[in-house]
Amino acid sequence: MFKIIIPKAAFKELEKLDRQNQKLVYEKIKDLEAGKFTGDKSLKGKHKGKFRKRAGNYRIIYLKENDILVITLIRIAHRREVY
């Protein structure tokens, strides 16, 4: 079980989504909390060390702290504007 930290900026991005996409993103966040990282990709370049989880057309960018079991959500945005 991981602890999820959602900064204000990421929470505001989540609030801007329509209800259907909000539910999908919440389900994916619950998967992260449960430790289900299947299908997640590590990012490259200036985002090295971060990971992305797909939620339909949206992406959840997060940072996984190894020993502490903490996941910090960095950004929740449409796939064309997230990177």
C-alpha atoms as a PDB file:
ATOM      1  CA  MET A   1       0.000   0.000   0.000  1.00  0.00           C
ATOM      2  CA  PHE A   2       1.426   3.346  -1.051  1.00  0.00           C
ATOM      3  CA  LYS A   3       0.592   6.778   0.292  1.00  0.00           C
ATOM      4  CA  ILE A   4      -0.563   9.191  -2.423  1.00  0.00           C
ATOM      5  CA  ILE A   5       0.208  12.909  -2.191  1.00  0.00           C
ATOM      6  CA  ILE A   6      -1.770  15.194  -4.498  1.00  0.00           C
ATOM      7  CA  PRO A   7      -0.453  18.783  -4.606  1.00  0.00           C
ATOM      8  CA  LYS A   8      -2.945  21.641  -5.033  1.00  0.00           C
ATOM      9  CA  ALA A   9      -1.957  22.226  -8.668  1.00  0.00           C
ATOM     10  CA  ALA A  10      -2.621  18.588  -9.631  1.00  0.00           C
ATOM     11  CA  PHE A  11      -5.894  18.590  -7.685  1.00  0.00           C
ATOM     12  CA  LYS A  12      -7.056  21.711  -9.548  1.00  0.00           C
ATOM     13  CA  GLU A  13      -6.255  20.033 -12.874  1.00  0.00           C
ATOM     14  CA  LEU A  14      -8.312  17.044 -11.755  1.00  0.00           C
ATOM     15  CA  GLU A  15     -11.263  19.249 -10.797  1.00  0.00           C
ATOM     16  CA  LYS A  16     -11.320  20.780 -14.295  1.00  0.00           C
ATOM     17  CA  LEU A  17     -12.052  17.402 -15.913  1.00  0.00           C
ATOM     18  CA  ASP A  18     -15.575  16.223 -16.667  1.00  0.00           C
ATOM     19  CA  ARG A  19     -17.128  13.663 -14.276  1.00  0.00           C
ATOM     20  CA  GLN A  20     -16.490  10.636 -16.481  1.00  0.00           C
ATOM     21  CA  ASN A  21     -12.771  11.369 -16.814  1.00  0.00           C
ATOM     22  CA  GLN A  22     -12.535  12.258 -13.112  1.00  0.00           C
ATOM     23  CA  LYS A  23     -13.856   8.803 -12.219  1.00  0.00           C
ATOM     24  CA  LEU A  24     -11.368   7.159 -14.568  1.00  0.00           C
ATOM     25  CA  VAL A  25      -8.460   9.134 -13.088  1.00  0.00           C
ATOM     26  CA  TYR A  26      -9.609   8.317  -9.529  1.00  0.00           C
ATOM     27  CA  GLU A  27      -9.653   4.607 -10.424  1.00  0.00           C
ATOM     28  CA  LYS A  28      -6.094   4.870 -11.735  1.00  0.00           C
ATOM     29  CA  ILE A  29      -5.002   6.720  -8.588  1.00  0.00           C
ATOM     30  CA  LYS A  30      -6.480   3.873  -6.522  1.00  0.00           C
ATOM     31  CA  ASP A  31      -4.442   1.443  -8.652  1.00  0.00           C
ATOM     32  CA  LEU A  32      -1.309   3.433  -7.813  1.00  0.00           C
ATOM     33  CA  GLU A  33      -2.217   3.352  -4.124  1.00  0.00           C
ATOM     34  CA  ALA A  34      -2.611  -0.433  -4.309  1.00  0.00           C
ATOM     35  CA  GLY A  35       0.778  -0.772  -6.026  1.00  0.00           C
ATOM     36  CA  LYS A  36      -0.489  -1.738  -9.491  1.00  0.00           C
ATOM     37  CA  PHE A  37       2.118  -0.284 -11.851  1.00  0.00           C
ATOM     38  CA  THR A  38       1.424  -2.489 -14.889  1.00  0.00           C
ATOM     39  CA  GLY A  39       1.567  -0.594 -18.150  1.00  0.00           C
ATOM     40  CA  ASP A  40       3.237   2.451 -16.590  1.00  0.00           C
ATOM     41  CA  LYS A  41       6.205   3.886 -18.433  1.00  0.00           C
ATOM     42  CA  SER A  42       9.214   5.714 -17.107  1.00  0.00           C
ATOM     43  CA  LEU A  43       9.757   9.074 -18.748  1.00  0.00           C
ATOM     44  CA  LYS A  44      12.950  10.208 -20.453  1.00  0.00           C
ATOM     45  CA  GLY A  45      14.781  13.482 -20.988  1.00  0.00           C
ATOM     46  CA  LYS A  46      14.018  16.317 -18.586  1.00  0.00           C
ATOM     47  CA  HIS A  47      11.346  14.170 -16.884  1.00  0.00           C
ATOM     48  CA  LYS A  48      13.741  11.314 -16.104  1.00  0.00           C
ATOM     49  CA  GLY A  49      12.853   9.551 -12.855  1.00  0.00           C
ATOM     50  CA  LYS A  50       9.121  10.189 -13.227  1.00  0.00           C
ATOM     51  CA  PHE A  51       6.487   7.778 -14.471  1.00  0.00           C
ATOM     52  CA  ARG A  52       3.237   8.056 -16.385  1.00  0.00           C
ATOM     53  CA  LYS A  53      -0.001   6.151 -16.061  1.00  0.00           C
ATOM     54  CA  ARG A  54      -2.602   6.231 -18.831  1.00  0.00           C
ATOM     55  CA  ALA A  55      -6.182   7.163 -17.974  1.00  0.00           C
ATOM     56  CA  GLY A  56      -7.973   7.285 -21.321  1.00  0.00           C
ATOM     57  CA  ASN A  57      -6.770  10.415 -23.136  1.00  0.00           C
ATOM     58  CA  TYR A  58      -5.286  11.772 -19.906  1.00  0.00           C
ATOM     59  CA  ARG A  59      -1.963  11.047 -18.287  1.00  0.00           C
ATOM     60  CA  ILE A  60      -1.046  10.954 -14.620  1.00  0.00           C
ATOM     61  CA  ILE A  61       2.581  11.943 -14.105  1.00  0.00           C
ATOM     62  CA  TYR A  62       3.965  10.768 -10.785  1.00  0.00           C
ATOM     63  CA  LEU A  63       7.160  10.363  -8.810  1.00  0.00           C
ATOM     64  CA  LYS A  64       7.711   7.189  -6.789  1.00  0.00           C
ATOM     65  CA  GLU A  65       9.811   7.450  -3.641  1.00  0.00           C
ATOM     66  CA  ASN A  66      11.510   4.056  -3.208  1.00  0.00           C
ATOM     67  CA  ASP A  67      11.863   3.218   0.477  1.00  0.00           C
ATOM     68  CA  ILE A  68       9.197   5.512   1.866  1.00  0.00           C
ATOM     69  CA  LEU A  69       6.321   4.096  -0.240  1.00  0.00           C
ATOM     70  CA  VAL A  70       5.090   7.558  -1.198  1.00  0.00           C
ATOM     71  CA  ILE A  71       3.788   8.527  -4.632  1.00  0.00           C
ATOM     72  CA  THR A  72       3.564  12.232  -5.452  1.00  0.00           C
ATOM     73  CA  LEU A  73       1.294  13.152  -8.341  1.00  0.00           C
ATOM     74  CA  ILE A  74       2.985  15.801 -10.439  1.00  0.00           C
ATOM     75  CA  ARG A  75       0.439  16.515 -13.149  1.00  0.00           C
ATOM     76  CA  ILE A  76      -2.900  15.345 -14.530  1.00  0.00           C
ATOM     77  CA  ALA A  77      -3.529  16.614 -18.053  1.00  0.00           C
ATOM     78  CA  HIS A  78      -4.589  15.678 -21.565  1.00  0.00           C
ATOM     79  CA  ARG A  79      -1.980  13.682 -23.410  1.00  0.00           C
ATOM     80  CA  ARG A  80      -1.290  16.466 -25.952  1.00  0.00           C
ATOM     81  CA  GLU A  81      -0.301  18.973 -23.253  1.00  0.00           C
ATOM     82  CA  VAL A  82       1.141  16.915 -20.408  1.00  0.00           C
ATOM     83  CA  TYR A  83       4.759  16.634 -21.562  1.00  0.00           C
END
